[in-house]
PDB file of N, CA and C in Angstrom:
ATOM      1  N   UNK A   1      43.006  20.175  34.881  1.00  0.00           N
ATOM      2  CA  UNK A   1      43.987  21.315  33.287  1.00  0.00           C
ATOM      3  C   UNK A   1      43.414  21.212  32.578  1.00  0.00           C
ATOM      4  N   UNK A   2      43.492  22.540  32.027  1.00  0.00           N
ATOM      5  CA  UNK A   2      42.552  22.505  30.688  1.00  0.00           C
ATOM      6  C   UNK A   2      42.603  20.597  29.546  1.00  0.00           C
ATOM      7  N   UNK A   3      41.805  20.836  28.873  1.00  0.00           N
ATOM      8  CA  UNK A   3      42.194  19.795  27.826  1.00  0.00           C
ATOM      9  C   UNK A   3      43.493  20.173  26.479  1.00  0.00           C
ATOM     10  N   UNK A   4      43.192  21.586  26.137  1.00  0.00           N
ATOM     11  CA  UNK A   4      44.776  22.076  25.327  1.00  0.00           C
ATOM     12  C   UNK A   4      45.624  21.647  25.935  1.00  0.00           C
ATOM     13  N   UNK A   5      45.712  21.530  27.483  1.00  0.00           N
ATOM     14  CA  UNK A   5      47.035  21.145  27.520  1.00  0.00           C
ATOM     15  C   UNK A   5      47.773  19.913  27.990  1.00  0.00           C
ATOM     16  N   UNK A   6      46.775  18.855  28.308  1.00  0.00           N
ATOM     17  CA  UNK A   6      46.530  17.958  28.279  1.00  0.00           C
ATOM     18  C   UNK A   6      46.988  17.150  26.825  1.00  0.00           C
ATOM     19  N   UNK A   7      46.507  17.379  25.993  1.00  0.00           N
ATOM     20  CA  UNK A   7      46.937  16.917  24.697  1.00  0.00           C
ATOM     21  C   UNK A   7      48.310  17.711  24.065  1.00  0.00           C
ATOM     22  N   UNK A   8      48.699  18.776  24.664  1.00  0.00           N
ATOM     23  CA  UNK A   8      49.985  19.113  24.723  1.00  0.00           C
ATOM     24  C   UNK A   8      50.777  18.071  24.868  1.00  0.00           C
ATOM     25  N   UNK A   9      51.011  17.535  26.523  1.00  0.00           N
ATOM     26  CA  UNK A   9      51.398  17.239  27.371  1.00  0.00           C
ATOM     27  C   UNK A   9      51.713  15.765  26.016  1.00  0.00           C
ATOM     28  N   UNK A  10      50.540  15.017  25.651  1.00  0.00           N
ATOM     29  CA  UNK A  10      50.325  13.633  25.219  1.00  0.00           C
ATOM     30  C   UNK A  10      50.781  13.684  23.837  1.00  0.00           C
ATOM     31  N   UNK A  11      51.094  14.734  22.986  1.00  0.00           N
ATOM     32  CA  UNK A  11      51.958  15.361  22.304  1.00  0.00           C
ATOM     33  C   UNK A  11      53.882  15.213  22.517  1.00  0.00           C
ATOM     34  N   UNK A  12      53.858  15.785  23.524  1.00  0.00           N
ATOM     35  CA  UNK A  12      55.091  15.905  23.581  1.00  0.00           C
ATOM     36  C   UNK A  12      55.488  14.327  23.893  1.00  0.00           C
ATOM     37  N   UNK A  13      54.846  13.588  24.767  1.00  0.00           N
ATOM     38  CA  UNK A  13      54.709  12.048  24.867  1.00  0.00           C
ATOM     39  C   UNK A  13      55.175  11.862  23.750  1.00  0.00           C
ATOM     40  N   UNK A  14      54.307  11.356  22.255  1.00  0.00           N
ATOM     41  CA  UNK A  14      54.522  10.980  21.291  1.00  0.00           C
ATOM     42  C   UNK A  14      55.593  11.093  20.728  1.00  0.00           C
ATOM     43  N   UNK A  15      55.743  12.456  20.472  1.00  0.00           N
ATOM     44  CA  UNK A  15      57.299  12.558  20.018  1.00  0.00           C
ATOM     45  C   UNK A  15      58.212  12.106  20.806  1.00  0.00           C
ATOM     46  N   UNK A  16      58.532  12.268  21.862  1.00  0.00           N
ATOM     47  CA  UNK A  16      59.787  11.613  22.472  1.00  0.00           C
ATOM     48  C   UNK A  16      59.837   9.877  22.599  1.00  0.00           C
ATOM     49  N   UNK A  17      58.031   9.178  22.453  1.00  0.00           N
ATOM     50  CA  UNK A  17      58.152   7.804  21.961  1.00  0.00           C
ATOM     51  C   UNK A  17      58.934   7.386  20.692  1.00  0.00           C
ATOM     52  N   UNK A  18      58.728   8.114  19.600  1.00  0.00           N
ATOM     53  CA  UNK A  18      59.188   7.777  18.553  1.00  0.00           C
ATOM     54  C   UNK A  18      61.005   8.377  18.583  1.00  0.00           C
ATOM     55  N   UNK A  19      61.257   8.704  18.967  1.00  0.00           N
ATOM     56  CA  UNK A  19      62.405   9.161  18.875  1.00  0.00           C
ATOM     57  C   UNK A  19      63.100   7.971  20.063  1.00  0.00           C
ATOM     58  N   UNK A  20      62.189   7.725  20.960  1.00  0.00           N
ATOM     59  CA  UNK A  20      63.122   6.271  21.301  1.00  0.00           C
ATOM     60  C   UNK A  20      63.259   5.104  20.867  1.00  0.00           C
ATOM     61  N   UNK A  21      62.266   5.199  20.070  1.00  0.00           N
ATOM     62  CA  UNK A  21      62.009   3.726  19.250  1.00  0.00           C
ATOM     63  C   UNK A  21      62.928   3.769  17.981  1.00  0.00           C
ATOM     64  N   UNK A  22      63.734   4.688  17.712  1.00  0.00           N
ATOM     65  CA  UNK A  22      63.900   5.410  16.397  1.00  0.00           C
ATOM     66  C   UNK A  22      63.685   5.686  14.998  1.00  0.00           C
ATOM     67  N   UNK A  23      61.907   5.867  15.447  1.00  0.00           N
ATOM     68  CA  UNK A  23      61.247   6.749  14.458  1.00  0.00           C
ATOM     69  C   UNK A  23      61.086   8.184  13.733  1.00  0.00           C
ATOM     70  N   UNK A  24      61.851   8.600  14.299  1.00  0.00           N
ATOM     71  CA  UNK A  24      61.615   9.673  14.464  1.00  0.00           C
ATOM     72  C   UNK A  24      62.722  10.401  13.205  1.00  0.00           C
ATOM     73  N   UNK A  25      62.505  11.004  12.168  1.00  0.00           N
ATOM     74  CA  UNK A  25      63.256  11.370  10.916  1.00  0.00           C
ATOM     75  C   UNK A  25      63.813  12.482  11.069  1.00  0.00           C
ATOM     76  N   UNK A  26      65.314  12.789  10.683  1.00  0.00           N
ATOM     77  CA  UNK A  26      65.945  14.107  11.113  1.00  0.00           C
ATOM     78  C   UNK A  26      65.682  15.217   9.880  1.00  0.00           C
ATOM     79  N   UNK A  27      65.236  14.432   8.334  1.00  0.00           N
ATOM     80  CA  UNK A  27      64.818  15.046   7.002  1.00  0.00           C
ATOM     81  C   UNK A  27      63.284  14.879   6.670  1.00  0.00           C
ATOM     82  N   UNK A  28      62.496  15.881   6.379  1.00  0.00           N
ATOM     83  CA  UNK A  28      61.172  15.823   5.641  1.00  0.00           C
ATOM     84  C   UNK A  28      60.759  15.198   4.962  1.00  0.00           C
ATOM     85  N   UNK A  29      59.932  14.317   4.797  1.00  0.00           N
ATOM     86  CA  UNK A  29      59.560  14.073   3.818  1.00  0.00           C
ATOM     87  C   UNK A  29      59.492  14.876   2.370  1.00  0.00           C
ATOM     88  N   UNK A  30      59.709  14.823   1.062  1.00  0.00           N
ATOM     89  CA  UNK A  30      59.150  15.461  -0.328  1.00  0.00           C
ATOM     90  C   UNK A  30      57.934  16.000   0.099  1.00  0.00           C
ATOM     91  N   UNK A  31      57.419  17.265  -0.638  1.00  0.00           N
ATOM     92  CA  UNK A  31      56.382  18.078  -0.434  1.00  0.00           C
ATOM     93  C   UNK A  31      55.517  17.116  -1.365  1.00  0.00           C
ATOM     94  N   UNK A  32      55.276  16.473  -2.493  1.00  0.00           N
ATOM     95  CA  UNK A  32      54.393  15.641  -2.769  1.00  0.00           C
ATOM     96  C   UNK A  32      54.086  14.651  -1.846  1.00  0.00           C
ATOM     97  N   UNK A  33      54.731  13.947  -1.188  1.00  0.00           N
ATOM     98  CA  UNK A  33      54.829  12.657  -0.174  1.00  0.00           C
ATOM     99  C   UNK A  33      53.556  13.467   0.526  1.00  0.00           C
ATOM    100  N   UNK A  34      53.949  14.632   1.174  1.00  0.00           N
ATOM    101  CA  UNK A  34      52.931  15.200   1.942  1.00  0.00           C
ATOM    102  C   UNK A  34      51.913  16.098   1.679  1.00  0.00           C
ATOM    103  N   UNK A  35      51.584  15.728   0.408  1.00  0.00           N
ATOM    104  CA  UNK A  35      50.338  16.270  -0.465  1.00  0.00           C
ATOM    105  C   UNK A  35      49.584  15.334  -0.571  1.00  0.00           C
ATOM    106  N   UNK A  36      49.992  13.862   0.174  1.00  0.00           N
ATOM    107  CA  UNK A  36      48.798  13.022  -0.729  1.00  0.00           C
ATOM    108  C   UNK A  36      47.471  12.575   0.143  1.00  0.00           C
ATOM    109  N   UNK A  37      46.478  12.236  -0.890  1.00  0.00           N
ATOM    110  CA  UNK A  37      45.076  12.889  -0.695  1.00  0.00           C
ATOM    111  C   UNK A  37      44.920  11.113  -0.198  1.00  0.00           C
ATOM    112  N   UNK A  38      45.892  10.258   0.062  1.00  0.00           N
ATOM    113  CA  UNK A  38      45.046   9.488   1.029  1.00  0.00           C
ATOM    114  C   UNK A  38      45.113   9.228   2.761  1.00  0.00           C
ATOM    115  N   UNK A  39      44.213   8.812   3.305  1.00  0.00           N
ATOM    116  CA  UNK A  39      44.342   8.794   4.842  1.00  0.00           C
ATOM    117  C   UNK A  39      45.638   8.414   5.483  1.00  0.00           C
ATOM    118  N   UNK A  40      46.013   9.431   5.905  1.00  0.00           N
ATOM    119  CA  UNK A  40      46.986   8.630   7.089  1.00  0.00           C
ATOM    120  C   UNK A  40      48.572   8.968   5.941  1.00  0.00           C
ATOM    121  N   UNK A  41      48.117   9.169   4.138  1.00  0.00           N
ATOM    122  CA  UNK A  41      49.043   9.476   3.565  1.00  0.00           C
ATOM    123  C   UNK A  41      49.736   8.096   3.449  1.00  0.00           C
ATOM    124  N   UNK A  42      49.053   6.812   3.377  1.00  0.00           N
ATOM    125  CA  UNK A  42      49.847   5.461   3.346  1.00  0.00           C
ATOM    126  C   UNK A  42      50.256   5.347   2.280  1.00  0.00           C
ATOM    127  N   UNK A  43      50.173   6.022   0.961  1.00  0.00           N
ATOM    128  CA  UNK A  43      51.136   5.321  -0.378  1.00  0.00           C
ATOM    129  C   UNK A  43      52.114   6.460  -0.413  1.00  0.00           C
ATOM    130  N   UNK A  44      52.254   6.798   1.123  1.00  0.00           N
ATOM    131  CA  UNK A  44      53.624   7.982   0.543  1.00  0.00           C
ATOM    132  C   UNK A  44      54.571   8.143   1.791  1.00  0.00           C
ATOM    133  N   UNK A  45      53.902   7.423   3.028  1.00  0.00           N
ATOM    134  CA  UNK A  45      54.625   7.473   4.546  1.00  0.00           C
ATOM    135  C   UNK A  45      54.018   6.462   4.735  1.00  0.00           C
ATOM    136  N   UNK A  46      55.260   6.687   6.267  1.00  0.00           N
ATOM    137  CA  UNK A  46      55.056   5.205   6.858  1.00  0.00           C
ATOM    138  C   UNK A  46      54.010   6.054   7.858  1.00  0.00           C
ATOM    139  N   UNK A  47      53.398   5.051   8.639  1.00  0.00           N
ATOM    140  CA  UNK A  47      52.938   5.709   9.904  1.00  0.00           C
ATOM    141  C   UNK A  47      53.658   6.835  10.998  1.00  0.00           C
ATOM    142  N   UNK A  48      54.754   6.260  11.326  1.00  0.00           N
ATOM    143  CA  UNK A  48      55.448   7.509  11.977  1.00  0.00           C
ATOM    144  C   UNK A  48      56.019   8.659  11.189  1.00  0.00           C
ATOM    145  N   UNK A  49      56.133   8.644   9.659  1.00  0.00           N
ATOM    146  CA  UNK A  49      56.244   9.801   9.306  1.00  0.00           C
ATOM    147  C   UNK A  49      55.055  10.893   8.957  1.00  0.00           C
ATOM    148  N   UNK A  50      53.762  10.140   9.620  1.00  0.00           N
ATOM    149  CA  UNK A  50      52.491  10.922   8.693  1.00  0.00           C
ATOM    150  C   UNK A  50      52.425  11.495  10.442  1.00  0.00           C
ATOM    151  N   UNK A  51      52.994  10.948  11.775  1.00  0.00           N
ATOM    152  CA  UNK A  51      52.918  11.594  13.219  1.00  0.00           C
ATOM    153  C   UNK A  51      53.919  12.335  13.382  1.00  0.00           C
ATOM    154  N   UNK A  52      54.651  12.575  12.616  1.00  0.00           N
ATOM    155  CA  UNK A  52      55.650  13.231  13.062  1.00  0.00           C
ATOM    156  C   UNK A  52      55.805  14.680  11.621  1.00  0.00           C
ATOM    157  N   UNK A  53      55.350  14.608  11.053  1.00  0.00           N
ATOM    158  CA  UNK A  53      55.514  15.409   9.724  1.00  0.00           C
ATOM    159  C   UNK A  53      53.780  16.265   9.648  1.00  0.00           C
ATOM    160  N   UNK A  54      52.559  15.554  10.023  1.00  0.00           N
ATOM    161  CA  UNK A  54      51.139  15.681   9.937  1.00  0.00           C
ATOM    162  C   UNK A  54      50.271  16.099  10.730  1.00  0.00           C
ATOM    163  N   UNK A  55      50.297  14.840  11.610  1.00  0.00           N
ATOM    164  CA  UNK A  55      49.477  15.303  12.756  1.00  0.00           C
ATOM    165  C   UNK A  55      49.980  15.797  14.074  1.00  0.00           C
ATOM    166  N   UNK A  56      51.834  15.547  14.520  1.00  0.00           N
ATOM    167  CA  UNK A  56      52.108  16.512  15.338  1.00  0.00           C
ATOM    168  C   UNK A  56      51.842  17.663  14.867  1.00  0.00           C
ATOM    169  N   UNK A  57      52.501  18.335  13.972  1.00  0.00           N
ATOM    170  CA  UNK A  57      52.447  19.809  13.840  1.00  0.00           C
ATOM    171  C   UNK A  57      50.957  20.098  13.433  1.00  0.00           C
ATOM    172  N   UNK A  58      49.755  19.565  12.792  1.00  0.00           N
ATOM    173  CA  UNK A  58      48.792  19.877  13.029  1.00  0.00           C
ATOM    174  C   UNK A  58      48.579  20.673  14.091  1.00  0.00           C
ATOM    175  N   UNK A  59      48.150  19.803  14.822  1.00  0.00           N
ATOM    176  CA  UNK A  59      47.219  19.669  16.449  1.00  0.00           C
ATOM    177  C   UNK A  59      48.742  21.114  17.013  1.00  0.00           C
ATOM    178  N   UNK A  60      49.717  20.913  16.869  1.00  0.00           N
ATOM    179  CA  UNK A  60      50.583  21.594  17.936  1.00  0.00           C
ATOM    180  C   UNK A  60      50.164  23.680  17.118  1.00  0.00           C
ATOM    181  N   UNK A  61      49.686  23.051  15.631  1.00  0.00           N
ATOM    182  CA  UNK A  61      49.721  24.617  15.189  1.00  0.00           C
ATOM    183  C   UNK A  61      47.780  24.965  15.785  1.00  0.00           C
ATOM    184  N   UNK A  62      47.077  23.958  15.579  1.00  0.00           N
ATOM    185  CA  UNK A  62      45.594  23.989  16.639  1.00  0.00           C
ATOM    186  C   UNK A  62      45.521  24.883  18.066  1.00  0.00           C
ATOM    187  N   UNK A  63      47.013  23.969  18.890  1.00  0.00           N
ATOM    188  CA  UNK A  63      47.422  24.487  19.679  1.00  0.00           C
ATOM    189  C   UNK A  63      47.710  25.967  20.231  1.00  0.00           C
ATOM    190  N   UNK A  64      48.652  26.035  19.373  1.00  0.00           N
ATOM    191  CA  UNK A  64      49.172  27.750  19.188  1.00  0.00           C
ATOM    192  C   UNK A  64      48.211  28.726  19.205  1.00  0.00           C
ATOM    193  N   UNK A  65      47.389  27.932  18.160  1.00  0.00           N
ATOM    194  CA  UNK A  65      46.318  29.364  17.920  1.00  0.00           C
ATOM    195  C   UNK A  65      44.923  29.617  18.565  1.00  0.00           C
ATOM    196  N   UNK A  66      45.164  28.734  19.144  1.00  0.00           N
ATOM    197  CA  UNK A  66      43.769  28.173  20.370  1.00  0.00           C
ATOM    198  C   UNK A  66      42.608  28.055  19.262  1.00  0.00           C
ATOM    199  N   UNK A  67      42.492  27.318  18.766  1.00  0.00           N
ATOM    200  CA  UNK A  67      41.155  26.249  17.680  1.00  0.00           C
ATOM    201  C   UNK A  67      40.833  25.687  18.507  1.00  0.00           C
ATOM    202  N   UNK A  68      40.202  24.847  17.824  1.00  0.00           N
ATOM    203  CA  UNK A  68      39.211  23.865  18.458  1.00  0.00           C
ATOM    204  C   UNK A  68      39.877  22.684  17.869  1.00  0.00           C
ATOM    205  N   UNK A  69      39.896  22.077  18.737  1.00  0.00           N
ATOM    206  CA  UNK A  69      40.430  20.426  18.988  1.00  0.00           C
ATOM    207  C   UNK A  69      39.779  19.413  18.062  1.00  0.00           C
ATOM    208  N   UNK A  70      40.173  18.812  17.393  1.00  0.00           N
ATOM    209  CA  UNK A  70      39.605  17.612  16.417  1.00  0.00           C
ATOM    210  C   UNK A  70      38.374  16.907  17.241  1.00  0.00           C
ATOM    211  N   UNK A  71      36.839  16.811  16.851  1.00  0.00           N
ATOM    212  CA  UNK A  71      36.199  16.262  17.756  1.00  0.00           C
ATOM    213  C   UNK A  71      36.309  14.766  18.023  1.00  0.00           C
ATOM    214  N   UNK A  72      36.773  13.651  17.013  1.00  0.00           N
ATOM    215  CA  UNK A  72      37.299  12.431  16.817  1.00  0.00           C
ATOM    216  C   UNK A  72      38.812  12.127  16.352  1.00  0.00           C
ATOM    217  N   UNK A  73      39.143  10.838  17.224  1.00  0.00           N
ATOM    218  CA  UNK A  73      40.574  11.071  16.477  1.00  0.00           C
ATOM    219  C   UNK A  73      40.714   9.201  16.423  1.00  0.00           C
ATOM    220  N   UNK A  74      41.235   8.500  16.065  1.00  0.00           N
ATOM    221  CA  UNK A  74      41.447   6.806  15.892  1.00  0.00           C
ATOM    222  C   UNK A  74      42.527   6.586  15.490  1.00  0.00           C
ATOM    223  N   UNK A  75      43.647   7.186  15.929  1.00  0.00           N
ATOM    224  CA  UNK A  75      45.255   6.484  15.787  1.00  0.00           C
ATOM    225  C   UNK A  75      45.589   5.206  16.119  1.00  0.00           C
ATOM    226  N   UNK A  76      45.173   4.739  17.293  1.00  0.00           N
ATOM    227  CA  UNK A  76      45.640   3.554  17.966  1.00  0.00           C
ATOM    228  C   UNK A  76      45.447   2.546  17.370  1.00  0.00           C
ATOM    229  N   UNK A  77      44.167   1.996  16.766  1.00  0.00           N
ATOM    230  CA  UNK A  77      44.459   0.963  15.999  1.00  0.00           C
ATOM    231  C   UNK A  77      44.860   1.007  14.732  1.00  0.00           C
ATOM    232  N   UNK A  78      45.309   1.869  14.135  1.00  0.00           N
ATOM    233  CA  UNK A  78      46.206   2.227  12.717  1.00  0.00           C
ATOM    234  C   UNK A  78      47.509   1.972  13.015  1.00  0.00           C
ATOM    235  N   UNK A  79      48.148   2.604  14.626  1.00  0.00           N
ATOM    236  CA  UNK A  79      49.337   1.933  15.112  1.00  0.00           C
ATOM    237  C   UNK A  79      49.688   0.436  15.149  1.00  0.00           C
ATOM    238  N   UNK A  80      48.771  -0.078  16.068  1.00  0.00           N
ATOM    239  CA  UNK A  80      48.881  -1.529  16.695  1.00  0.00           C
ATOM    240  C   UNK A  80      49.205  -2.460  15.479  1.00  0.00           C
ATOM    241  N   UNK A  81      48.475  -2.404  14.162  1.00  0.00           N
ATOM    242  CA  UNK A  81      48.585  -3.145  12.916  1.00  0.00           C
ATOM    243  C   UNK A  81      49.669  -2.718  12.473  1.00  0.00           C
ATOM    244  N   UNK A  82      50.338  -1.499  12.180  1.00  0.00           N
ATOM    245  CA  UNK A  82      51.470  -1.080  11.325  1.00  0.00           C
ATOM    246  C   UNK A  82      52.525  -1.336  12.193  1.00  0.00           C
ATOM    247  N   UNK A  83      52.847  -1.300  13.638  1.00  0.00           N
ATOM    248  CA  UNK A  83      53.696  -2.133  14.588  1.00  0.00           C
ATOM    249  C   UNK A  83      53.074  -3.593  14.921  1.00  0.00           C
ATOM    250  N   UNK A  84      52.725  -4.117  14.618  1.00  0.00           N
ATOM    251  CA  UNK A  84      52.293  -5.670  14.691  1.00  0.00           C
ATOM    252  C   UNK A  84      53.404  -6.535  13.890  1.00  0.00           C
ATOM    253  N   UNK A  85      54.111  -7.524  14.783  1.00  0.00           N
ATOM    254  CA  UNK A  85      54.963  -8.341  13.754  1.00  0.00           C
ATOM    255  C   UNK A  85      56.405  -7.277  14.150  1.00  0.00           C
ATOM    256  N   UNK A  86      56.724  -6.347  14.349  1.00  0.00           N
ATOM    257  CA  UNK A  86      57.603  -5.812  14.101  1.00  0.00           C
ATOM    258  C   UNK A  86      58.482  -6.494  15.376  1.00  0.00           C
ATOM    259  N   UNK A  87      59.671  -5.881  15.821  1.00  0.00           N
ATOM    260  CA  UNK A  87      60.764  -5.289  17.069  1.00  0.00           C
ATOM    261  C   UNK A  87      60.629  -4.412  17.611  1.00  0.00           C
ATOM    262  N   UNK A  88      60.262  -3.338  17.314  1.00  0.00           N
ATOM    263  CA  UNK A  88      60.061  -2.241  17.830  1.00  0.00           C
ATOM    264  C   UNK A  88      59.565  -2.476  19.402  1.00  0.00           C
ATOM    265  N   UNK A  89      60.019  -1.691  20.182  1.00  0.00           N
ATOM    266  CA  UNK A  89      59.483  -1.752  21.466  1.00  0.00           C
ATOM    267  C   UNK A  89      58.409  -0.546  21.376  1.00  0.00           C
ATOM    268  N   UNK A  90      57.167  -0.365  21.287  1.00  0.00           N
ATOM    269  CA  UNK A  90      56.258   0.340  20.856  1.00  0.00           C
ATOM    270  C   UNK A  90      55.055   0.781  21.471  1.00  0.00           C
ATOM    271  N   UNK A  91      54.733  -0.152  22.928  1.00  0.00           N
ATOM    272  CA  UNK A  91      53.630  -0.480  23.985  1.00  0.00           C
ATOM    273  C   UNK A  91      53.852   1.519  24.231  1.00  0.00           C
ATOM    274  N   UNK A  92      54.578   1.574  24.817  1.00  0.00           N
ATOM    275  CA  UNK A  92      54.137   2.960  25.531  1.00  0.00           C
ATOM    276  C   UNK A  92      53.967   4.061  23.936  1.00  0.00           C
ATOM    277  N   UNK A  93      54.395   4.095  22.890  1.00  0.00           N
ATOM    278  CA  UNK A  93      53.731   5.084  22.139  1.00  0.00           C
ATOM    279  C   UNK A  93      52.383   4.619  21.655  1.00  0.00           C
ATOM    280  N   UNK A  94      52.171   3.376  21.953  1.00  0.00           N
ATOM    281  CA  UNK A  94      50.666   2.833  21.539  1.00  0.00           C
ATOM    282  C   UNK A  94      49.885   3.889  22.434  1.00  0.00           C
ATOM    283  N   UNK A  95      50.667   3.446  23.946  1.00  0.00           N
ATOM    284  CA  UNK A  95      49.463   3.912  25.194  1.00  0.00           C
ATOM    285  C   UNK A  95      49.222   5.498  24.554  1.00  0.00           C
ATOM    286  N   UNK A  96      50.254   6.217  24.312  1.00  0.00           N
ATOM    287  CA  UNK A  96      50.335   7.503  24.459  1.00  0.00           C
ATOM    288  C   UNK A  96      49.064   8.384  23.007  1.00  0.00           C
ATOM    289  N   UNK A  97      49.059   7.069  21.931  1.00  0.00           N
ATOM    290  CA  UNK A  97      48.664   7.268  21.019  1.00  0.00           C
ATOM    291  C   UNK A  97      46.829   6.782  21.365  1.00  0.00           C
ATOM    292  N   UNK A  98      46.251   5.739  22.644  1.00  0.00           N
ATOM    293  CA  UNK A  98      45.634   5.844  22.463  1.00  0.00           C
ATOM    294  C   UNK A  98      44.768   6.894  23.460  1.00  0.00           C
ATOM    295  N   UNK A  99      45.840   7.324  24.264  1.00  0.00           N
ATOM    296  CA  UNK A  99      45.707   8.252  25.304  1.00  0.00           C
ATOM    297  C   UNK A  99      44.737   9.689  24.792  1.00  0.00           C
ATOM    298  N   UNK A 100      45.502   9.998  23.202  1.00  0.00           N
ATOM    299  CA  UNK A 100      45.263  11.160  22.989  1.00  0.00           C
ATOM    300  C   UNK A 100      44.003  10.723  22.342  1.00  0.00           C
ATOM    301  N   UNK A 101      43.543   9.364  21.679  1.00  0.00           N
ATOM    302  CA  UNK A 101      42.192   9.120  20.899  1.00  0.00           C
ATOM    303  C   UNK A 101      41.307   9.279  22.200  1.00  0.00           C
ATOM    304  N   UNK A 102      41.191   8.660  23.124  1.00  0.00           N
ATOM    305  CA  UNK A 102      40.257   8.909  24.313  1.00  0.00           C
ATOM    306  C   UNK A 102      40.059  10.267  24.689  1.00  0.00           C
ATOM    307  N   UNK A 103      40.986  11.082  24.851  1.00  0.00           N
ATOM    308  CA  UNK A 103      40.803  13.008  25.317  1.00  0.00           C
ATOM    309  C   UNK A 103      40.151  13.252  23.811  1.00  0.00           C
ATOM    310  N   UNK A 104      40.408  13.659  22.896  1.00  0.00           N
ATOM    311  CA  UNK A 104      39.690  14.177  21.596  1.00  0.00           C
ATOM    312  C   UNK A 104      38.703  13.679  21.507  1.00  0.00           C
ATOM    313  N   UNK A 105      38.293  12.032  21.362  1.00  0.00           N
ATOM    314  CA  UNK A 105      37.161  11.368  20.916  1.00  0.00           C
ATOM    315  C   UNK A 105      36.228  11.711  22.263  1.00  0.00           C
ATOM    316  N   UNK A 106      36.634  11.764  23.668  1.00  0.00           N
ATOM    317  CA  UNK A 106      35.960  11.685  24.613  1.00  0.00           C
ATOM    318  C   UNK A 106      35.225  13.041  24.826  1.00  0.00           C
ATOM    319  N   UNK A 107      36.434  14.298  24.113  1.00  0.00           N
ATOM    320  CA  UNK A 107      35.808  15.339  24.267  1.00  0.00           C
ATOM    321  C   UNK A 107      34.771  15.636  23.465  1.00  0.00           C
ATOM    322  N   UNK A 108      34.418  15.101  22.420  1.00  0.00           N
ATOM    323  CA  UNK A 108      33.352  15.483  21.450  1.00  0.00           C
ATOM    324  C   UNK A 108      32.157  16.069  21.908  1.00  0.00           C
ATOM    325  N   UNK A 109      31.618  16.707  21.085  1.00  0.00           N
ATOM    326  CA  UNK A 109      30.077  17.195  22.197  1.00  0.00           C
ATOM    327  C   UNK A 109      29.157  17.168  21.120  1.00  0.00           C
TER     328      UNK A 109
END
């Protein structure tokens, strides 16, 4: 299986997990919120919104265009912190994020 295919499968899993735990928004945030210059748009978006509206579309676009995937990824620790203390069943989402982190960072040359 190609690295691009593996990434696509994990992205689908991330989306499914966000939907399953009720963290998938039907409406996108404002253009201003999406234009934040802060890492993960922490000043304007929740982490699930960032995953849905920035991370997933960006990686899907790279895959569609056959572009080069990022050489480093470290989202799982941010997600662990975000979900700490919540009642949301987030273990499967964290697992998917750890898999994407490992695949992208492990594939760095």
